[in-house]
Amino acid sequence: MMFTGEYEHTVDTKGRIIMPSKFREALSGEFVVTAGLDGCLFVYPNDEWEQFVLKLKSLPGNKEARQLQRYFLAGAATIEMDKQGRFLIPNKLRETAGLEKDIVIVGVISKLEIWSKEKWEANNVYENMDEIAEHMSEFDLTF
C-alpha cells in the first residue's frame, strides 16, 4: 500500500481520531504509532513497522544509534481501530505531537503522519521546493 493525500480531522473529547476511510483497509487489525520527526507522529502498518525495526536493529551500537532506537521504540504503541474507524492514541504521544483538537493526517509513501493542524501549517511551507528538488538530483531523482 502506498499512502498519499492530506486529510483534516479532529480529536474527539475522549482523545480518539477517525482514520480516513482511504487508509482503513491497509491498517485493519493493528498498527503502530510512534513519535515521528519534525513534530508529528508516524503511523506504520505492521509489516512496514517490522521492516523499520529491522533497520533500527541493524544500526551500529554507538550512542547516536541507541538514542535513535530509544526515540522510536520507547513510546511506540500498538493501536487497534474500532468498527467506526476510530482509534485512541496514548496521552504521551498526543502530548509529544501537540494533538489537541484540529489535526492533519498525511500519507507519506509507506507510513502516515499525524500532525496538529497548527504544526502542519507552520512546517509545510513549500517556498523553496525548487532548491530542495535540485539537491535531490544527487539521489538520482529528476523531475
Protein backbone atom coordinates (compact mmCIF):
# COMPACT_ATOMS: atom_id res chain seq x y z
CA MET A 1 0.00 0.00 0.00
CA MET A 2 1.23 3.44 -0.84
CA PHE A 3 -0.14 6.21 1.34
CA THR A 4 -0.86 9.60 -0.25
CA GLY A 5 -3.14 12.51 0.47
CA GLU A 6 -3.90 15.04 3.19
CA TYR A 7 -6.96 14.81 5.44
CA GLU A 8 -8.16 17.18 8.13
CA HIS A 9 -9.83 15.69 11.19
CA THR A 10 -10.36 16.44 14.86
CA VAL A 11 -9.53 14.71 18.12
CA ASP A 12 -12.78 13.96 19.96
CA THR A 13 -13.39 14.59 23.68
CA LYS A 14 -12.21 11.06 24.51
CA GLY A 15 -8.93 11.58 22.61
CA ARG A 16 -9.96 9.46 19.63
CA ILE A 17 -9.20 10.15 15.99
CA ILE A 18 -11.11 8.88 12.96
CA MET A 19 -8.87 7.22 10.39
CA PRO A 20 -9.61 8.42 6.86
CA SER A 21 -11.57 5.65 5.10
CA LYS A 22 -8.95 5.52 2.34
CA PHE A 23 -6.39 4.13 4.85
CA ARG A 24 -8.57 1.82 6.94
CA GLU A 25 -8.12 -1.36 4.94
CA ALA A 26 -4.30 -1.09 4.94
CA LEU A 27 -4.36 -0.56 8.71
CA SER A 28 -7.06 -3.11 9.55
CA GLY A 29 -6.31 -5.09 12.66
CA GLU A 30 -3.40 -3.50 14.47
CA PHE A 31 -0.90 -0.82 13.51
CA VAL A 32 1.86 1.08 15.30
CA VAL A 33 2.03 4.76 16.25
CA THR A 34 5.27 6.31 17.44
CA ALA A 35 6.96 9.68 17.81
CA GLY A 36 7.94 11.00 14.41
CA LEU A 37 10.21 13.75 13.19
CA ASP A 38 9.51 17.46 12.72
CA GLY A 39 6.87 17.39 15.49
CA CYS A 40 4.45 14.78 14.15
CA LEU A 41 3.60 11.13 14.86
CA PHE A 42 4.41 8.29 12.47
CA VAL A 43 1.82 5.57 11.80
CA TYR A 44 3.06 2.27 10.37
CA PRO A 45 1.13 -0.77 9.15
CA ASN A 46 2.55 -3.79 11.00
CA ASP A 47 4.58 -5.08 8.03
CA GLU A 48 6.21 -1.66 7.46
CA TRP A 49 6.86 -1.32 11.20
CA GLU A 50 8.64 -4.69 11.25
CA GLN A 51 10.87 -3.57 8.35
CA PHE A 52 11.62 -0.28 10.12
CA VAL A 53 12.52 -2.10 13.36
CA LEU A 54 14.89 -4.39 11.43
CA LYS A 55 16.64 -1.30 10.05
CA LEU A 56 16.90 0.15 13.56
CA LYS A 57 18.24 -3.18 14.81
CA SER A 58 20.97 -3.20 12.14
CA LEU A 59 22.38 0.16 13.22
CA PRO A 60 25.84 0.19 14.82
CA GLY A 61 25.98 0.09 18.63
CA ASN A 62 27.09 3.70 19.02
CA LYS A 63 25.38 6.30 21.20
CA GLU A 64 23.52 8.00 18.31
CA ALA A 65 22.09 4.67 17.16
CA ARG A 66 20.97 3.81 20.68
CA GLN A 67 19.30 7.21 21.03
CA LEU A 68 17.52 6.78 17.71
CA GLN A 69 16.32 3.30 18.70
CA ARG A 70 15.02 4.58 22.04
CA TYR A 71 13.32 7.56 20.42
CA PHE A 72 11.26 5.45 18.03
CA LEU A 73 10.72 2.35 20.19
CA ALA A 74 10.19 3.58 23.76
CA GLY A 75 6.89 5.32 23.09
CA ALA A 76 5.67 3.12 20.25
CA ALA A 77 2.11 1.91 20.77
CA THR A 78 0.19 -0.88 19.07
CA ILE A 79 -3.22 0.53 18.16
CA GLU A 80 -6.48 -1.01 17.01
CA MET A 81 -9.36 0.78 15.29
CA ASP A 82 -12.96 0.26 16.31
CA LYS A 83 -15.71 -0.55 13.79
CA GLN A 84 -16.26 3.16 13.09
CA GLY A 85 -12.58 3.65 12.18
CA ARG A 86 -11.75 5.46 15.42
CA PHE A 87 -8.56 4.88 17.37
CA LEU A 88 -7.07 6.19 20.59
CA ILE A 89 -3.51 7.49 20.72
CA PRO A 90 -1.90 7.30 24.18
CA ASN A 91 -1.73 10.64 26.02
CA LYS A 92 2.08 10.76 25.95
CA LEU A 93 2.14 10.53 22.15
CA ARG A 94 -0.67 13.09 21.79
CA GLU A 95 1.32 15.45 24.00
CA THR A 96 4.52 14.79 22.03
CA ALA A 97 2.86 15.96 18.81
CA GLY A 98 0.65 18.62 20.42
CA LEU A 99 -2.56 16.94 19.22
CA GLU A 100 -5.45 18.71 20.89
CA LYS A 101 -8.31 19.45 18.50
CA ASP A 102 -7.63 20.04 14.80
CA ILE A 103 -5.25 17.58 13.16
CA VAL A 104 -3.98 16.65 9.73
CA ILE A 105 -3.30 13.05 8.64
CA VAL A 106 -0.90 12.82 5.71
CA GLY A 107 0.03 9.82 3.58
CA VAL A 108 3.79 9.64 3.01
CA ILE A 109 4.63 6.55 0.94
CA SER A 110 4.86 3.65 3.43
CA LYS A 111 3.56 5.43 6.53
CA LEU A 112 1.15 8.10 7.70
CA GLU A 113 1.99 11.23 9.64
CA ILE A 114 -0.37 12.79 12.18
CA TRP A 115 0.15 16.49 12.78
CA SER A 116 -1.54 19.16 14.82
CA LYS A 117 -3.03 21.46 12.19
CA GLU A 118 -1.00 24.35 13.57
CA LYS A 119 2.33 22.50 13.30
CA TRP A 120 1.41 21.18 9.84
CA GLU A 121 0.78 24.69 8.54
CA ALA A 122 3.96 26.05 10.15
CA ASN A 123 6.22 23.22 8.95
CA ASN A 124 4.96 22.70 5.44
CA VAL A 125 5.73 25.86 3.57
CA TYR A 126 6.87 24.99 0.07
CA GLU A 127 8.56 28.22 -0.97
CA ASN A 128 11.96 26.58 -1.50
CA MET A 129 10.86 23.42 -3.33
CA ASP A 130 12.90 24.23 -6.44
CA GLU A 131 16.04 24.43 -4.31
CA ILE A 132 15.21 21.20 -2.47
CA ALA A 133 14.49 19.42 -5.76
CA GLU A 134 17.89 20.49 -7.09
CA HIS A 135 19.58 18.80 -4.12
CA MET A 136 17.65 15.59 -4.71
CA SER A 137 19.32 15.14 -8.10
CA GLU A 138 22.27 13.71 -6.10
CA PHE A 139 19.95 10.76 -5.33
CA ASP A 140 19.01 10.20 -8.96
CA LEU A 141 15.64 11.91 -8.53
CA THR A 142 14.80 14.05 -11.51
CA PHE A 143 11.64 15.94 -12.42
